[in-house]
Amino acid sequence: MVNDLVKATGTTHREVNAGLNRRIGVPSRVGAEEQVIRRAAGAARAWLDELGSSG
């Protein structure tokens, strides 16, 4: 999903990951628990939906 967001936003992986971290309220997902990864995946899906790129 990060690749899709990079294409949809025209930004970098770094910027997309930082944006996802902000959306879920964590400074980093390095070593994150499964719950945090799931929240990030949900945030990525929602972001793609917002951009109209989910289909």
PDB file of N, CA and C in Angstrom:
ATOM      1  N   MET A   1       0.811  -1.191   0.000  1.00  0.00           N
ATOM      2  CA  MET A   1       0.000   0.000   0.000  1.00  0.00           C
ATOM      3  C   MET A   1       0.860   1.262   0.000  1.00  0.00           C
ATOM      4  N   VAL A   2       2.024   1.172   0.622  1.00  0.00           N
ATOM      5  CA  VAL A   2       2.911   2.337   0.618  1.00  0.00           C
ATOM      6  C   VAL A   2       3.296   2.686  -0.816  1.00  0.00           C
ATOM      7  N   ASN A   3       3.592   1.684  -1.638  1.00  0.00           N
ATOM      8  CA  ASN A   3       3.928   1.953  -3.038  1.00  0.00           C
ATOM      9  C   ASN A   3       2.777   2.660  -3.750  1.00  0.00           C
ATOM     10  N   ASP A   4       1.548   2.209  -3.485  1.00  0.00           N
ATOM     11  CA  ASP A   4       0.378   2.849  -4.085  1.00  0.00           C
ATOM     12  C   ASP A   4       0.254   4.297  -3.635  1.00  0.00           C
ATOM     13  N   LEU A   5       0.521   4.542  -2.358  1.00  0.00           N
ATOM     14  CA  LEU A   5       0.445   5.906  -1.839  1.00  0.00           C
ATOM     15  C   LEU A   5       1.543   6.789  -2.423  1.00  0.00           C
ATOM     16  N   VAL A   6       2.729   6.226  -2.612  1.00  0.00           N
ATOM     17  CA  VAL A   6       3.820   6.985  -3.232  1.00  0.00           C
ATOM     18  C   VAL A   6       3.390   7.435  -4.621  1.00  0.00           C
ATOM     19  N   LYS A   7       2.820   6.514  -5.396  1.00  0.00           N
ATOM     20  CA  LYS A   7       2.368   6.856  -6.747  1.00  0.00           C
ATOM     21  C   LYS A   7       1.233   7.878  -6.704  1.00  0.00           C
ATOM     22  N   ALA A   8       0.288   7.682  -5.802  1.00  0.00           N
ATOM     23  CA  ALA A   8      -0.890   8.548  -5.746  1.00  0.00           C
ATOM     24  C   ALA A   8      -0.563   9.953  -5.241  1.00  0.00           C
ATOM     25  N   THR A   9       0.419  10.058  -4.357  1.00  0.00           N
ATOM     26  CA  THR A   9       0.741  11.353  -3.772  1.00  0.00           C
ATOM     27  C   THR A   9       1.904  12.049  -4.461  1.00  0.00           C
ATOM     28  N   GLY A  10       2.693  11.297  -5.219  1.00  0.00           N
ATOM     29  CA  GLY A  10       3.866  11.876  -5.861  1.00  0.00           C
ATOM     30  C   GLY A  10       4.969  12.204  -4.885  1.00  0.00           C
ATOM     31  N   THR A  11       4.960  11.535  -3.737  1.00  0.00           N
ATOM     32  CA  THR A  11       5.987  11.770  -2.722  1.00  0.00           C
ATOM     33  C   THR A  11       6.889  10.544  -2.616  1.00  0.00           C
ATOM     34  N   THR A  12       7.701  10.506  -1.576  1.00  0.00           N
ATOM     35  CA  THR A  12       8.643   9.410  -1.373  1.00  0.00           C
ATOM     36  C   THR A  12       8.104   8.414  -0.344  1.00  0.00           C
ATOM     37  N   HIS A  13       8.745   7.236  -0.306  1.00  0.00           N
ATOM     38  CA  HIS A  13       8.397   6.252   0.718  1.00  0.00           C
ATOM     39  C   HIS A  13       8.566   6.854   2.111  1.00  0.00           C
ATOM     40  N   ARG A  14       9.633   7.599   2.274  1.00  0.00           N
ATOM     41  CA  ARG A  14       9.910   8.213   3.576  1.00  0.00           C
ATOM     42  C   ARG A  14       8.769   9.138   3.999  1.00  0.00           C
ATOM     43  N   GLU A  15       8.300   9.963   3.054  1.00  0.00           N
ATOM     44  CA  GLU A  15       7.218  10.904   3.373  1.00  0.00           C
ATOM     45  C   GLU A  15       5.902  10.178   3.643  1.00  0.00           C
ATOM     46  N   VAL A  16       5.628   9.141   2.869  1.00  0.00           N
ATOM     47  CA  VAL A  16       4.404   8.359   3.098  1.00  0.00           C
ATOM     48  C   VAL A  16       4.460   7.682   4.458  1.00  0.00           C
ATOM     49  N   ASN A  17       5.589   7.063   4.786  1.00  0.00           N
ATOM     50  CA  ASN A  17       5.694   6.402   6.086  1.00  0.00           C
ATOM     51  C   ASN A  17       5.570   7.394   7.232  1.00  0.00           C
ATOM     52  N   ALA A  18       6.162   8.572   7.083  1.00  0.00           N
ATOM     53  CA  ALA A  18       6.029   9.601   8.116  1.00  0.00           C
ATOM     54  C   ALA A  18       4.568  10.026   8.248  1.00  0.00           C
ATOM     55  N   GLY A  19       3.886  10.163   7.113  1.00  0.00           N
ATOM     56  CA  GLY A  19       2.472  10.527   7.141  1.00  0.00           C
ATOM     57  C   GLY A  19       1.626   9.473   7.825  1.00  0.00           C
ATOM     58  N   LEU A  20       1.914   8.216   7.551  1.00  0.00           N
ATOM     59  CA  LEU A  20       1.176   7.136   8.219  1.00  0.00           C
ATOM     60  C   LEU A  20       1.435   7.153   9.720  1.00  0.00           C
ATOM     61  N   ASN A  21       2.688   7.360  10.093  1.00  0.00           N
ATOM     62  CA  ASN A  21       3.002   7.429  11.519  1.00  0.00           C
ATOM     63  C   ASN A  21       2.231   8.550  12.200  1.00  0.00           C
ATOM     64  N   ARG A  22       2.153   9.714  11.545  1.00  0.00           N
ATOM     65  CA  ARG A  22       1.388  10.833  12.116  1.00  0.00           C
ATOM     66  C   ARG A  22      -0.088  10.456  12.244  1.00  0.00           C
ATOM     67  N   ARG A  23      -0.621   9.818  11.217  1.00  0.00           N
ATOM     68  CA  ARG A  23      -2.043   9.455  11.229  1.00  0.00           C
ATOM     69  C   ARG A  23      -2.387   8.498  12.365  1.00  0.00           C
ATOM     70  N   ILE A  24      -1.446   7.642  12.740  1.00  0.00           N
ATOM     71  CA  ILE A  24      -1.753   6.691  13.819  1.00  0.00           C
ATOM     72  C   ILE A  24      -1.131   7.099  15.151  1.00  0.00           C
ATOM     73  N   GLY A  25      -0.430   8.222  15.154  1.00  0.00           N
ATOM     74  CA  GLY A  25       0.074   8.781  16.405  1.00  0.00           C
ATOM     75  C   GLY A  25       1.274   8.084  17.009  1.00  0.00           C
ATOM     76  N   VAL A  26       2.183   7.606  16.157  1.00  0.00           N
ATOM     77  CA  VAL A  26       3.414   6.998  16.660  1.00  0.00           C
ATOM     78  C   VAL A  26       4.618   7.672  16.016  1.00  0.00           C
ATOM     79  N   PRO A  27       5.733   7.734  16.735  1.00  0.00           N
ATOM     80  CA  PRO A  27       6.925   8.344  16.152  1.00  0.00           C
ATOM     81  C   PRO A  27       7.610   7.439  15.122  1.00  0.00           C
ATOM     82  N   SER A  28       7.434   6.122  15.285  1.00  0.00           N
ATOM     83  CA  SER A  28       8.084   5.158  14.407  1.00  0.00           C
ATOM     84  C   SER A  28       7.360   3.824  14.501  1.00  0.00           C
ATOM     85  N   ARG A  29       7.433   3.026  13.423  1.00  0.00           N
ATOM     86  CA  ARG A  29       6.872   1.677  13.467  1.00  0.00           C
ATOM     87  C   ARG A  29       7.967   0.622  13.524  1.00  0.00           C
ATOM     88  N   VAL A  30       9.215   1.036  13.672  1.00  0.00           N
ATOM     89  CA  VAL A  30      10.322   0.091  13.773  1.00  0.00           C
ATOM     90  C   VAL A  30      10.123  -0.752  15.031  1.00  0.00           C
ATOM     91  N   GLY A  31      10.065  -2.060  14.865  1.00  0.00           N
ATOM     92  CA  GLY A  31       9.875  -2.962  15.989  1.00  0.00           C
ATOM     93  C   GLY A  31       8.475  -2.915  16.575  1.00  0.00           C
ATOM     94  N   ALA A  32       7.522  -2.385  15.806  1.00  0.00           N
ATOM     95  CA  ALA A  32       6.159  -2.199  16.313  1.00  0.00           C
ATOM     96  C   ALA A  32       5.448  -3.531  16.514  1.00  0.00           C
ATOM     97  N   GLU A  33       4.511  -3.513  17.451  1.00  0.00           N
ATOM     98  CA  GLU A  33       3.663  -4.672  17.690  1.00  0.00           C
ATOM     99  C   GLU A  33       2.654  -4.805  16.548  1.00  0.00           C
ATOM    100  N   GLU A  34       2.081  -5.970  16.434  1.00  0.00           N
ATOM    101  CA  GLU A  34       1.130  -6.250  15.365  1.00  0.00           C
ATOM    102  C   GLU A  34      -0.026  -5.249  15.342  1.00  0.00           C
ATOM    103  N   GLN A  35      -0.520  -4.860  16.492  1.00  0.00           N
ATOM    104  CA  GLN A  35      -1.639  -3.916  16.563  1.00  0.00           C
ATOM    105  C   GLN A  35      -1.292  -2.590  15.868  1.00  0.00           C
ATOM    106  N   VAL A  36      -0.070  -2.116  16.058  1.00  0.00           N
ATOM    107  CA  VAL A  36       0.356  -0.860  15.443  1.00  0.00           C
ATOM    108  C   VAL A  36       0.453  -1.032  13.926  1.00  0.00           C
ATOM    109  N   ILE A  37       0.955  -2.168  13.485  1.00  0.00           N
ATOM    110  CA  ILE A  37       1.060  -2.439  12.050  1.00  0.00           C
ATOM    111  C   ILE A  37      -0.336  -2.495  11.434  1.00  0.00           C
ATOM    112  N   ARG A  38      -1.265  -3.116  12.133  1.00  0.00           N
ATOM    113  CA  ARG A  38      -2.644  -3.179  11.629  1.00  0.00           C
ATOM    114  C   ARG A  38      -3.273  -1.789  11.545  1.00  0.00           C
ATOM    115  N   ARG A  39      -3.001  -0.945  12.543  1.00  0.00           N
ATOM    116  CA  ARG A  39      -3.510   0.427  12.507  1.00  0.00           C
ATOM    117  C   ARG A  39      -2.928   1.188  11.320  1.00  0.00           C
ATOM    118  N   ALA A  40      -1.645   0.972  11.060  1.00  0.00           N
ATOM    119  CA  ALA A  40      -1.000   1.629   9.925  1.00  0.00           C
ATOM    120  C   ALA A  40      -1.613   1.152   8.607  1.00  0.00           C
ATOM    121  N   ALA A  41      -1.890  -0.137   8.504  1.00  0.00           N
ATOM    122  CA  ALA A  41      -2.514  -0.671   7.291  1.00  0.00           C
ATOM    123  C   ALA A  41      -3.901  -0.059   7.101  1.00  0.00           C
ATOM    124  N   GLY A  42      -4.651   0.062   8.171  1.00  0.00           N
ATOM    125  CA  GLY A  42      -5.966   0.694   8.098  1.00  0.00           C
ATOM    126  C   GLY A  42      -5.870   2.151   7.689  1.00  0.00           C
ATOM    127  N   ALA A  43      -4.876   2.840   8.223  1.00  0.00           N
ATOM    128  CA  ALA A  43      -4.675   4.249   7.868  1.00  0.00           C
ATOM    129  C   ALA A  43      -4.276   4.380   6.402  1.00  0.00           C
ATOM    130  N   ALA A  44      -3.471   3.446   5.916  1.00  0.00           N
ATOM    131  CA  ALA A  44      -3.062   3.474   4.510  1.00  0.00           C
ATOM    132  C   ALA A  44      -4.270   3.253   3.608  1.00  0.00           C
ATOM    133  N   ARG A  45      -5.138   2.299   3.971  1.00  0.00           N
ATOM    134  CA  ARG A  45      -6.351   2.063   3.183  1.00  0.00           C
ATOM    135  C   ARG A  45      -7.233   3.304   3.162  1.00  0.00           C
ATOM    136  N   ALA A  46      -7.403   3.924   4.320  1.00  0.00           N
ATOM    137  CA  ALA A  46      -8.237   5.125   4.418  1.00  0.00           C
ATOM    138  C   ALA A  46      -7.647   6.258   3.584  1.00  0.00           C
ATOM    139  N   TRP A  47      -6.341   6.412   3.623  1.00  0.00           N
ATOM    140  CA  TRP A  47      -5.673   7.460   2.858  1.00  0.00           C
ATOM    141  C   TRP A  47      -5.875   7.221   1.364  1.00  0.00           C
ATOM    142  N   LEU A  48      -5.714   5.975   0.938  1.00  0.00           N
ATOM    143  CA  LEU A  48      -5.951   5.647  -0.469  1.00  0.00           C
ATOM    144  C   LEU A  48      -7.402   5.955  -0.846  1.00  0.00           C
ATOM    145  N   ASP A  49      -8.328   5.617   0.024  1.00  0.00           N
ATOM    146  CA  ASP A  49      -9.739   5.921  -0.233  1.00  0.00           C
ATOM    147  C   ASP A  49      -9.946   7.419  -0.388  1.00  0.00           C
ATOM    148  N   GLU A  50      -9.324   8.198   0.498  1.00  0.00           N
ATOM    149  CA  GLU A  50      -9.427   9.656   0.429  1.00  0.00           C
ATOM    150  C   GLU A  50      -8.920  10.185  -0.909  1.00  0.00           C
ATOM    151  N   LEU A  51      -7.895   9.543  -1.432  1.00  0.00           N
ATOM    152  CA  LEU A  51      -7.282   9.981  -2.685  1.00  0.00           C
ATOM    153  C   LEU A  51      -8.002   9.438  -3.903  1.00  0.00           C
ATOM    154  N   GLY A  52      -8.952   8.527  -3.659  1.00  0.00           N
ATOM    155  CA  GLY A  52      -9.688   7.933  -4.773  1.00  0.00           C
ATOM    156  C   GLY A  52      -8.862   6.947  -5.554  1.00  0.00           C
ATOM    157  N   SER A  53      -7.881   6.319  -4.885  1.00  0.00           N
ATOM    158  CA  SER A  53      -6.964   5.407  -5.570  1.00  0.00           C
ATOM    159  C   SER A  53      -7.124   3.958  -5.115  1.00  0.00           C
ATOM    160  N   SER A  54      -8.220   3.636  -4.469  1.00  0.00           N
ATOM    161  CA  SER A  54      -8.347   2.295  -3.897  1.00  0.00           C
ATOM    162  C   SER A  54      -8.909   1.275  -4.866  1.00  0.00           C
ATOM    163  N   GLY A  55      -9.422   1.692  -6.028  1.00  0.00           N
ATOM    164  CA  GLY A  55     -10.099   0.779  -6.901  1.00  0.00           C
ATOM    165  C   GLY A  55      -9.274   0.230  -7.976  1.00  0.00           C
TER     166      GLY A  55
END
